[in-house]
Protein backbone atom coordinates (compact mmCIF):
# COMPACT_ATOMS: atom_id res chain seq x y z
CA PHE A 1 -116.16 -13.02 102.58
CA GLU A 2 -116.96 -11.91 106.11
CA ARG A 3 -113.94 -10.68 107.02
CA ALA A 4 -114.04 -8.67 103.68
CA SER A 5 -117.20 -7.53 104.75
CA THR A 6 -115.86 -6.07 107.95
CA LEU A 7 -112.77 -4.47 106.37
CA GLY A 8 -115.29 -2.87 103.94
CA ALA A 9 -117.21 -1.49 106.89
CA ASN A 10 -114.32 -0.12 108.60
CA ALA A 11 -113.00 1.54 105.54
CA LEU A 12 -116.39 3.30 104.97
CA GLN A 13 -116.48 4.49 108.91
CA GLU A 14 -112.78 5.73 108.62
CA ARG A 15 -113.96 7.66 105.26
CA ALA A 16 -116.42 9.01 107.32
CA GLU A 17 -114.51 10.04 110.17
CA ARG A 18 -111.91 11.71 107.88
CA SER A 19 -114.83 13.46 106.13
CA LEU A 20 -115.52 15.52 109.51
CA GLN A 21 -112.28 17.13 108.63
CA LEU A 22 -112.37 20.58 106.85
CA ASP A 23 -109.17 20.33 105.15
CA THR A 24 -110.51 20.20 101.16
CA ALA A 25 -112.19 22.87 99.45
CA CYS A 26 -115.25 20.57 98.91
CA VAL A 27 -116.68 19.06 101.92
CA ARG A 28 -119.76 16.59 101.73
CA PHE A 29 -121.73 15.19 105.02
CA ASP A 30 -124.54 13.60 102.75
CA GLN A 31 -124.44 9.85 103.72
CA PRO A 32 -127.22 9.15 106.33
CA ALA A 33 -125.70 5.72 106.97
CA HIS A 34 -122.42 7.57 108.48
CA PHE A 35 -123.83 10.99 109.72
CA GLN A 36 -127.21 10.58 111.37
CA GLY A 37 -126.93 10.21 114.85
CA ARG A 38 -123.81 12.35 114.77
CA GLY A 39 -125.76 15.94 115.23
CA ASP A 40 -123.18 17.06 118.03
CA GLU A 41 -120.11 16.25 115.97
CA LEU A 42 -121.72 18.24 113.07
CA VAL A 43 -122.44 21.04 115.04
CA ALA A 44 -119.07 21.40 116.18
CA THR A 45 -118.11 21.04 112.49
CA ALA A 46 -120.27 23.85 111.89
CA ARG A 47 -118.75 26.07 114.61
CA ARG A 48 -115.17 25.39 113.07
CA MET A 49 -116.37 26.96 109.72
CA GLY A 50 -116.19 30.28 111.41
CA SER A 51 -112.36 30.01 111.17
CA ASN A 52 -112.00 27.99 108.29
CA SER A 53 -109.97 29.36 105.46
CA VAL A 54 -110.05 26.04 103.29
CA VAL A 55 -113.56 25.00 102.38
CA THR A 56 -115.32 26.70 99.41
CA SER A 57 -118.22 24.10 99.34
CA LEU A 58 -120.15 22.36 102.29
CA THR A 59 -122.99 19.93 101.88
CA VAL A 60 -125.02 18.65 104.69
CA GLY A 61 -127.94 16.73 103.58
CA LEU A 62 -129.97 14.01 104.66
CA CYS A 63 -128.65 14.52 108.23
CA SER A 64 -132.05 15.25 110.04
CA LEU A 65 -130.30 18.16 111.44
CA ASP A 66 -132.39 21.09 113.29
CA ASP A 67 -132.12 24.39 114.09
CA THR A 68 -129.04 23.88 116.50
CA PHE A 69 -126.86 23.10 113.61
CA ALA A 70 -128.27 25.93 111.70
CA THR A 71 -127.67 28.40 114.67
CA ALA A 72 -124.12 27.37 114.64
CA MET A 73 -123.72 27.68 110.96
CA GLY A 74 -125.14 31.13 111.09
CA GLU A 75 -122.71 32.33 113.61
CA SER A 76 -119.93 30.98 111.60
CA LEU A 77 -121.05 32.75 108.38
CA LYS A 78 -120.57 36.14 110.27
CA THR A 79 -116.90 35.28 110.27
CA ASN A 80 -115.98 32.87 107.39
CA ARG A 81 -114.55 34.43 104.30
CA THR A 82 -114.16 31.64 101.96
CA LEU A 83 -117.41 29.44 101.85
CA GLN A 84 -119.10 30.22 98.46
CA LEU A 85 -121.62 27.27 98.50
CA LEU A 86 -123.96 25.78 101.44
CA ASN A 87 -126.16 23.02 100.65
CA LEU A 88 -128.38 22.18 103.73
CA TRP A 89 -131.05 20.11 102.02
CA ASP A 90 -133.50 17.34 103.27
CA ASN A 91 -132.97 18.29 106.92
CA LYS A 92 -135.34 19.70 109.79
CA ILE A 93 -134.21 23.08 110.00
CA GLY A 94 -137.22 25.41 110.84
CA PRO A 95 -137.91 28.99 111.67
CA LEU A 96 -135.00 29.93 114.62
CA GLY A 97 -132.35 28.15 112.37
CA ALA A 98 -133.27 30.18 109.28
CA GLU A 99 -133.32 33.50 111.03
CA ALA A 100 -129.63 32.56 112.48
CA LEU A 101 -128.71 31.71 108.90
CA GLY A 102 -130.34 35.19 107.65
CA LYS A 103 -128.19 37.04 110.28
CA GLY A 104 -125.18 35.17 109.28
CA LEU A 105 -125.88 36.23 105.41
CA ASP A 106 -126.14 39.82 106.34
CA CYS A 107 -122.50 39.80 107.49
CA ASN A 108 -120.96 37.63 105.06
CA ALA A 109 -119.69 39.04 101.53
CA THR A 110 -118.68 35.89 99.86
CA ILE A 111 -121.42 32.96 99.71
CA LEU A 112 -123.07 32.74 96.36
CA VAL A 113 -125.49 29.61 96.88
CA LEU A 114 -127.58 28.55 99.52
CA ASN A 115 -129.49 25.35 99.07
CA MET A 116 -132.31 24.73 101.97
CA ARG A 117 -135.12 22.53 99.76
CA SER A 118 -137.02 19.96 101.93
CA ASN A 119 -136.67 21.56 105.18
CA VAL A 120 -139.34 22.94 107.55
CA LEU A 121 -138.83 26.74 107.30
CA GLY A 122 -142.55 27.63 106.91
CA PRO A 123 -143.34 31.67 106.56
CA ASN A 124 -141.22 32.64 109.68
CA GLY A 125 -138.10 30.97 108.28
CA ALA A 126 -138.67 32.80 104.77
CA LEU A 127 -138.90 35.99 106.96
CA GLY A 128 -135.64 35.27 108.77
CA LEU A 129 -133.81 34.53 105.53
CA ALA A 130 -135.47 37.71 103.86
CA LYS A 131 -134.03 40.06 106.38
CA GLY A 132 -130.60 38.96 106.15
CA MET A 133 -130.72 39.37 102.37
CA LEU A 134 -132.07 43.05 102.46
CA GLN A 135 -128.94 44.90 102.15
CA SER A 136 -125.32 43.54 101.64
CA CYS A 137 -126.04 39.94 101.03
CA SER A 138 -123.40 38.58 98.27
CA LEU A 139 -126.01 35.52 97.62
CA THR A 140 -127.02 34.83 93.92
CA SER A 141 -128.74 31.49 94.16
CA LEU A 142 -131.74 30.68 96.91
CA GLN A 143 -133.51 27.41 96.68
CA LEU A 144 -136.08 27.07 98.98
CA ARG A 145 -138.23 24.29 97.23
CA TYR A 146 -141.00 22.26 99.34
CA ASN A 147 -140.49 24.38 102.62
CA GLY A 148 -144.25 25.30 103.11
CA ILE A 149 -143.41 29.12 103.22
CA GLY A 150 -146.96 30.15 101.78
CA ASP A 151 -148.28 33.50 100.91
CA ALA A 152 -146.88 35.13 104.01
CA GLY A 153 -143.16 33.61 103.39
CA ALA A 154 -143.53 34.66 99.49
CA THR A 155 -144.68 38.28 100.46
CA ALA A 156 -141.34 38.44 102.81
CA LEU A 157 -139.20 37.49 99.95
CA ALA A 158 -140.80 39.91 97.70
CA THR A 159 -140.04 43.05 100.19
CA MET A 160 -136.43 41.47 100.01
CA LEU A 161 -136.44 41.42 96.12
CA ILE A 162 -137.35 45.23 96.05
CA LYS A 163 -134.26 46.29 97.73
CA ASN A 164 -131.78 43.08 96.78
CA LYS A 165 -129.46 43.68 93.98
CA SER A 166 -127.39 40.22 94.15
CA LEU A 167 -129.90 37.66 94.08
CA LYS A 168 -130.19 36.04 90.33
CA ASP A 169 -131.90 32.52 90.89
CA MET A 170 -134.70 31.72 93.33
CA ASP A 171 -136.45 28.43 93.38
CA LEU A 172 -139.89 28.58 95.33
CA SER A 173 -141.17 25.52 93.72
CA ARG A 174 -143.82 23.41 96.08
CA ASN A 175 -144.20 25.99 98.64
CA LYS A 176 -148.04 26.31 98.97
CA ILE A 177 -147.90 29.80 97.73
CA ARG A 178 -151.35 31.00 96.34
CA SER A 179 -152.27 34.22 94.25
CA ASP A 180 -152.05 36.67 96.92
CA GLY A 181 -148.12 35.65 97.15
CA VAL A 182 -147.52 35.44 93.85
CA ASP A 183 -148.92 38.91 93.46
CA ALA A 184 -146.58 40.32 95.99
CA LEU A 185 -143.64 38.60 94.11
CA MET A 186 -144.57 39.92 90.67
CA LYS A 187 -144.97 43.38 91.98
CA SER A 188 -141.39 43.46 93.31
CA LEU A 189 -140.18 42.42 89.92
CA TRP A 190 -141.59 45.73 88.63
CA SER A 191 -138.37 47.54 90.24
CA ASN A 192 -136.04 44.36 90.65
CA ARG A 193 -133.30 44.24 87.98
CA ALA A 194 -131.24 41.41 89.14
CA LEU A 195 -133.30 38.36 89.21
CA THR A 196 -132.98 36.35 86.01
CA ALA A 197 -134.70 32.93 87.00
CA LEU A 198 -137.74 32.18 88.86
CA ASN A 199 -138.93 28.95 89.60
CA LEU A 200 -142.72 28.62 90.87
CA ARG A 201 -143.95 25.20 89.68
CA LEU A 202 -146.51 23.40 91.79
CA ASN A 203 -147.63 26.47 93.44
CA ALA A 204 -151.59 27.26 93.15
CA VAL A 205 -150.87 30.46 91.14
CA CYS A 206 -154.22 29.92 89.32
CA ASP A 207 -155.80 32.58 86.94
CA LYS A 208 -155.52 35.67 89.24
CA GLY A 209 -151.75 34.89 89.86
CA GLY A 210 -151.59 34.53 85.89
CA ILE A 211 -152.68 37.83 85.83
CA SER A 212 -150.23 39.30 87.99
CA VAL A 213 -147.34 37.30 86.20
CA GLY A 214 -148.73 39.12 83.01
CA ALA A 215 -148.60 42.52 84.33
CA ALA A 216 -145.17 41.97 85.90
CA LEU A 217 -143.67 40.93 82.37
CA SER A 218 -144.81 43.83 80.97
CA HIS A 219 -142.62 46.01 83.42
CA ASN A 220 -139.59 43.80 83.74
CA SER A 221 -137.17 42.91 81.23
CA THR A 222 -134.30 41.11 83.33
CA LEU A 223 -135.96 37.63 83.96
CA CYS A 224 -134.79 35.06 81.36
CA THR A 225 -136.21 31.71 82.90
CA LEU A 226 -139.75 31.56 84.19
CA ASP A 227 -140.97 28.14 85.44
CA LEU A 228 -144.67 27.84 85.82
CA MET A 229 -145.31 24.12 85.60
CA GLY A 230 -148.24 22.66 87.22
CA CYS A 231 -149.58 26.01 88.36
CA ASP A 232 -153.21 25.36 87.41
CA LEU A 233 -153.34 28.65 85.26
CA GLY A 234 -155.82 27.62 82.77
CA ASP A 235 -156.63 29.58 79.62
CA SER A 236 -157.68 32.72 82.06
CA GLY A 237 -154.15 32.62 83.84
CA CYS A 238 -152.16 31.99 80.58
CA VAL A 239 -153.75 34.51 78.21
CA PRO A 240 -152.34 37.56 80.15
CA ILE A 241 -148.81 36.03 79.97
CA PHE A 242 -148.82 35.43 76.20
CA ASN A 243 -150.06 38.80 76.00
CA ALA A 244 -147.29 40.40 77.89
CA LEU A 245 -144.96 38.25 75.81
CA GLY A 246 -146.09 39.99 72.45
CA ALA A 247 -149.78 38.58 71.71
CA ALA A 248 -151.29 41.90 72.49
CA LYS A 249 -149.08 43.67 70.10
CA HIS A 250 -149.59 41.20 67.61
CA LYS A 251 -153.37 41.70 67.98
CA ALA A 252 -152.92 45.51 67.70
CA LEU A 253 -150.75 45.51 64.76
CA MET A 254 -153.42 42.97 62.81
CA SER A 255 -156.34 45.16 63.92
CA ASP A 256 -158.24 47.42 61.02
CA ASN A 257 -158.46 50.21 63.62
CA VAL A 258 -155.83 52.84 63.05
CA ALA A 259 -155.75 53.98 66.63
CA THR A 260 -155.35 50.31 67.79
CA ARG A 261 -152.57 49.65 65.34
CA ARG A 262 -150.61 52.60 66.85
CA MET A 263 -150.88 50.84 70.35
CA GLY A 264 -149.20 48.17 68.78
CA ALA A 265 -146.03 49.88 68.90
CA SER A 266 -146.08 49.61 72.68
CA ARG A 267 -143.50 47.61 74.43
CA ILE A 268 -143.01 43.80 74.82
CA ASN A 269 -141.39 41.77 77.01
CA GLY A 270 -138.09 41.02 75.73
CA GLY A 271 -136.27 39.27 78.52
CA VAL A 272 -137.83 35.72 79.06
CA ARG A 273 -135.74 33.10 77.03
CA THR A 274 -137.07 29.92 78.78
CA LEU A 275 -140.64 29.61 79.60
CA ILE A 276 -142.35 26.47 80.98
CA VAL A 277 -146.11 26.49 81.12
CA SER A 278 -146.94 22.57 81.15
CA GLU A 279 -149.45 20.88 83.11
CA ASN A 280 -151.66 23.95 83.49
CA GLY A 281 -154.94 22.88 81.60
CA PHE A 282 -154.91 25.28 79.10
CA SER A 283 -156.55 24.78 75.64
CA ASP A 284 -156.72 26.14 72.03
CA ILE A 285 -157.74 29.69 73.50
CA ALA A 286 -154.40 30.18 75.14
CA ALA A 287 -152.40 28.28 72.46
CA VAL A 288 -153.63 30.66 69.76
CA THR A 289 -152.51 33.33 72.06
CA LEU A 290 -149.20 31.72 72.36
CA GLY A 291 -148.96 31.54 68.56
CA MET A 292 -149.43 35.29 68.31
CA ALA A 293 -146.90 36.01 70.72
CA LEU A 294 -144.22 33.66 68.92
CA CYS A 295 -145.08 35.77 65.80
CA VAL A 296 -143.40 38.85 67.22
CA ASN A 297 -141.26 37.74 70.29
CA ARG A 298 -137.69 38.11 69.59
CA ALA A 299 -136.33 36.70 72.88
CA LEU A 300 -138.03 33.22 73.72
CA SER A 301 -135.71 30.47 72.68
CA SER A 302 -137.47 27.61 74.62
CA VAL A 303 -141.22 26.96 75.27
CA ASP A 304 -142.56 24.05 76.80
CA ALA A 305 -146.16 23.91 76.59
CA SER A 306 -146.72 20.26 77.08
CA ARG A 307 -149.46 18.31 79.13
CA ASN A 308 -152.10 20.89 78.24
CA ARG A 309 -155.27 20.52 76.30
CA VAL A 310 -153.68 22.34 72.99
CA ALA A 311 -155.59 20.59 69.76
CA ASP A 312 -155.34 21.33 66.16
CA ALA A 313 -156.53 25.12 66.25
CA GLY A 314 -153.92 25.85 68.61
CA ALA A 315 -151.24 23.91 66.77
CA LYS A 316 -152.11 25.65 63.50
CA ARG A 317 -151.63 29.13 64.99
CA ILE A 318 -148.23 27.96 66.45
CA ALA A 319 -147.28 26.72 63.11
CA ASP A 320 -148.30 30.11 61.66
CA ALA A 321 -145.84 31.74 64.08
CA LEU A 322 -142.96 29.22 63.09
CA LEU A 323 -143.17 30.74 59.41
CA VAL A 324 -142.00 34.08 60.81
CA ASN A 325 -140.42 33.48 64.04
CA THR A 326 -136.39 33.64 63.92
CA ARG A 327 -135.50 32.76 67.64
CA LEU A 328 -137.37 29.64 69.15
CA THR A 329 -135.22 26.59 69.12
CA GLU A 330 -137.10 24.17 71.10
CA LEU A 331 -140.81 23.65 71.20
CA ARG A 332 -142.29 21.05 73.56
CA LEU A 333 -146.06 20.04 72.87
CA HIS A 334 -145.98 16.47 74.02
CA ASP A 335 -149.08 15.13 75.90
CA ASN A 336 -151.56 17.18 74.41
CA LEU A 337 -154.63 16.67 72.13
CA ILE A 338 -152.96 17.51 68.80
CA GLU A 339 -154.23 15.22 65.76
CA ASN A 340 -152.93 14.75 62.18
CA GLU A 341 -154.24 18.18 61.23
CA GLY A 342 -152.53 20.09 63.85
CA ALA A 343 -149.35 18.09 63.15
CA ASN A 344 -149.66 18.51 59.59
CA HIS A 345 -149.69 22.49 59.92
CA LEU A 346 -146.39 22.20 61.90
CA SER A 347 -144.81 19.89 59.39
CA LYS A 348 -145.44 22.34 56.60
CA ALA A 349 -144.08 25.19 58.54
CA LEU A 350 -140.83 23.48 59.29
CA PRO A 351 -139.29 23.79 55.77
CA HIS A 352 -139.56 27.61 56.11
CA ASN A 353 -137.85 27.88 59.69
CA ALA A 354 -134.10 27.65 60.06
CA ILE A 355 -133.89 28.07 63.63
CA LEU A 356 -136.03 25.50 65.39
CA ARG A 357 -134.11 22.37 66.61
CA THR A 358 -136.22 20.35 68.94
CA LEU A 359 -139.87 19.85 68.20
CA ASP A 360 -141.54 17.34 70.66
CA LEU A 361 -145.37 16.06 69.55
CA SER A 362 -144.86 12.62 71.54
CA HIS A 363 -148.03 11.40 73.33
CA ASN A 364 -150.76 13.11 70.93
CA SER A 365 -152.84 11.83 68.47
CA THR A 366 -150.86 11.69 65.17
CA THR A 367 -150.86 8.67 63.02
CA PHE A 368 -147.96 6.74 62.15
CA ASP A 369 -147.10 3.87 59.98
CA VAL A 370 -143.79 1.82 60.45
CA GLN A 371 -141.93 0.41 57.49
CA THR A 372 -138.78 -1.42 56.84
CA HIS A 373 -136.23 1.14 56.97
CA GLY A 374 -137.58 3.65 59.59
CA PHE A 375 -141.12 5.41 60.12
CA VAL A 376 -143.09 7.84 58.26
CA THR A 377 -146.08 9.89 59.41
CA ALA A 378 -149.00 10.94 57.48
CA ALA A 379 -148.94 14.63 58.66
CA VAL A 380 -145.45 15.11 57.91
CA LEU A 381 -145.25 13.20 54.34
CA GLU A 382 -148.55 14.48 53.16
CA ASP A 383 -146.72 16.69 50.67
CA PHE A 384 -143.74 14.48 49.97
CA SER A 385 -145.47 11.12 48.71
CA ASN A 386 -144.37 11.49 45.36
CA ASP A 387 -140.87 12.08 46.03
CA PHE A 388 -140.48 9.28 48.22
CA ASN A 389 -142.41 6.29 46.54
CA LEU A 390 -145.09 6.68 49.34
CA THR A 391 -148.29 4.76 49.05
CA PRO A 392 -151.35 5.80 51.17
CA VAL A 393 -152.80 3.26 53.56
CA ALA A 394 -155.78 2.85 55.86
CA VAL A 395 -155.56 0.86 58.96
CA GLU A 396 -158.51 -0.27 61.18
CA ARG A 397 -157.79 0.09 64.75
CA GLY A 398 -160.04 0.21 67.67
CA GLY A 399 -162.87 0.75 65.68
CA ARG A 400 -161.83 3.60 63.70
CA THR A 401 -159.65 4.26 60.60
CA GLU A 402 -156.32 5.60 60.65
CA GLU A 403 -154.38 6.91 57.78
CA GLY A 404 -150.66 6.47 57.00
CA TYR A 405 -148.29 6.06 54.28
CA ARG A 406 -146.04 2.86 53.20
CA GLN A 407 -143.13 2.99 51.31
CA ASP A 408 -141.79 0.40 48.54
CA VAL A 409 -138.18 0.13 49.57
CA SER A 410 -137.31 -2.00 46.82
CA ARG A 411 -138.71 -0.15 44.20
CA ALA A 412 -137.47 3.20 45.80
CA ALA A 413 -134.05 1.72 45.22
CA GLU A 414 -134.53 1.15 41.62
CA VAL A 415 -135.71 4.25 40.59
CA GLY A 416 -133.09 5.83 42.82
CA LYS A 417 -135.39 7.60 45.33
CA VAL A 418 -134.53 7.83 49.01
CA ALA A 419 -134.79 4.30 50.57
CA ARG A 420 -135.11 5.70 54.19
CA PRO A 421 -137.99 7.80 55.20
CA LEU A 422 -136.08 9.69 57.93
CA ASP A 423 -133.46 10.88 55.14
CA LEU A 424 -136.10 13.58 54.02
CA PHE A 425 -135.56 15.48 57.52
CA LYS A 426 -132.11 16.38 56.20
CA GLU A 427 -133.25 18.56 53.22
CA LYS A 428 -136.83 18.16 52.69
CA ILE A 429 -138.23 19.03 56.51
CA SER A 430 -135.99 21.49 57.83
CA PRO A 431 -132.37 22.96 57.57
CA SER A 432 -131.88 23.28 61.44
CA LEU A 433 -134.14 20.45 62.95
CA VAL A 434 -132.15 17.90 64.95
CA SER A 435 -134.60 16.45 67.07
CA LEU A 436 -138.30 15.44 66.18
CA VAL A 437 -140.36 13.51 68.72
CA PHE A 438 -143.31 11.56 67.93
CA GLY A 439 -143.38 8.65 70.29
CA ALA A 440 -146.28 7.07 71.75
CA ASN A 441 -148.81 8.35 68.99
CA HIS A 442 -151.34 5.57 67.19
CA LEU A 443 -149.47 3.16 65.49
CA GLY A 444 -150.82 2.58 62.03
CA ALA A 445 -149.11 -1.00 61.19
CA GLU A 446 -146.85 -3.52 63.04
CA PRO A 447 -143.16 -3.15 61.80
CA PRO A 448 -141.82 -6.28 60.21
CA ALA A 449 -139.18 -8.30 62.14
CA ALA A 450 -136.34 -7.06 59.82
CA MET A 451 -136.90 -3.44 60.47
CA ALA A 452 -133.70 -1.54 61.19
CA PRO A 453 -133.51 -0.20 64.49
CA LEU A 454 -133.84 3.84 64.71
CA GLU A 455 -130.61 4.05 66.35
CA ASP A 456 -128.88 2.38 63.55
CA TYR A 457 -130.07 5.35 61.23
CA LEU A 458 -129.32 7.98 63.64
CA ARG A 459 -125.62 6.67 63.75
CA THR A 460 -125.49 7.11 60.14
């Protein structure tokens, strides 16, 4: 065993040695056990990239590399004509290294993706990269998550976006950006027509930043994916965003005032396809506005509004939108405050919606009753109890009464009714729904030991 262990260690070392060779299209130096402490060798390897014509993808991660390596890499980018993807994540590259990489990008016409997440760029590092991307840069994806660029760094990147015509995807999540930096970024989107995906999650956007986002969306129709998870928007920050996505137009169209209705003909954002606004602490006030937007928006296909404070009133307004919406395929409302009333409104809308494929209501406060051949919910089955031999039941739990349904499976089989409650989703609930999540709600009754696993049902 000791000999085998030694041989294994030697094999790993030989593989690490070989991997320093730049003789394959995809090269990875991201095994700390083999590459940490070999900074000089990796710097030499970076210098060799200047004349390399084989490697198209280079990953150097978790190696504690600093500005020396980044400077060498930046010089190589000036003459390299084959590299398309450069991953430098989880190192210690700072402003000087970022500036050198920016100068390399300014002379490079082939690199498409630069991933520098989890380094120490700071505001000056973002400025250095931005300078190199002002004019002829070919970069289409820039990943800068967790670099502490702050408002100054965001402003520098915003200036770059005004002139840059190649960048399509930018990740600035967890970067200590506040409303001023967000405002600069959003103003750049008034004129930028290239960026299609922007990730700002876990920055302090707040309500002021939300207003800036809403204003930008009123002028920009290119952005397709917007991630604002955990940005502390609240109702005041989310409402302007939802207004730009169609709520303002819906309000105008529904107004009794003729002049206001005419204003409803104004343009709404038709670009955003995926919107993530989870963990923003908004309530029914913003959720109702979101529902209004979904009534008229013909672009949004995925909305994640999970982990907020949406309750029954907001769920009802969203359910009303599902009656007329012809685009949304995914709606996530898990970890909110929705109870049976709100879930019931959503369930009643499903038969009229032939588009929605995923509805996630898990971790809310809807009532369940688990029975022999699957599960049923009071909210979903209220209108179908006669069709499926369901008997209302009330269960005392935690000092309160919770209502659900119980199915007499044996009698249902005798009279030819559906023996498995989940079968109703095939025809009764929605012609398109393929994923309905109600997990981690309040259970109404203990399932018997003979309960067939849900997995067995789904396989059939």
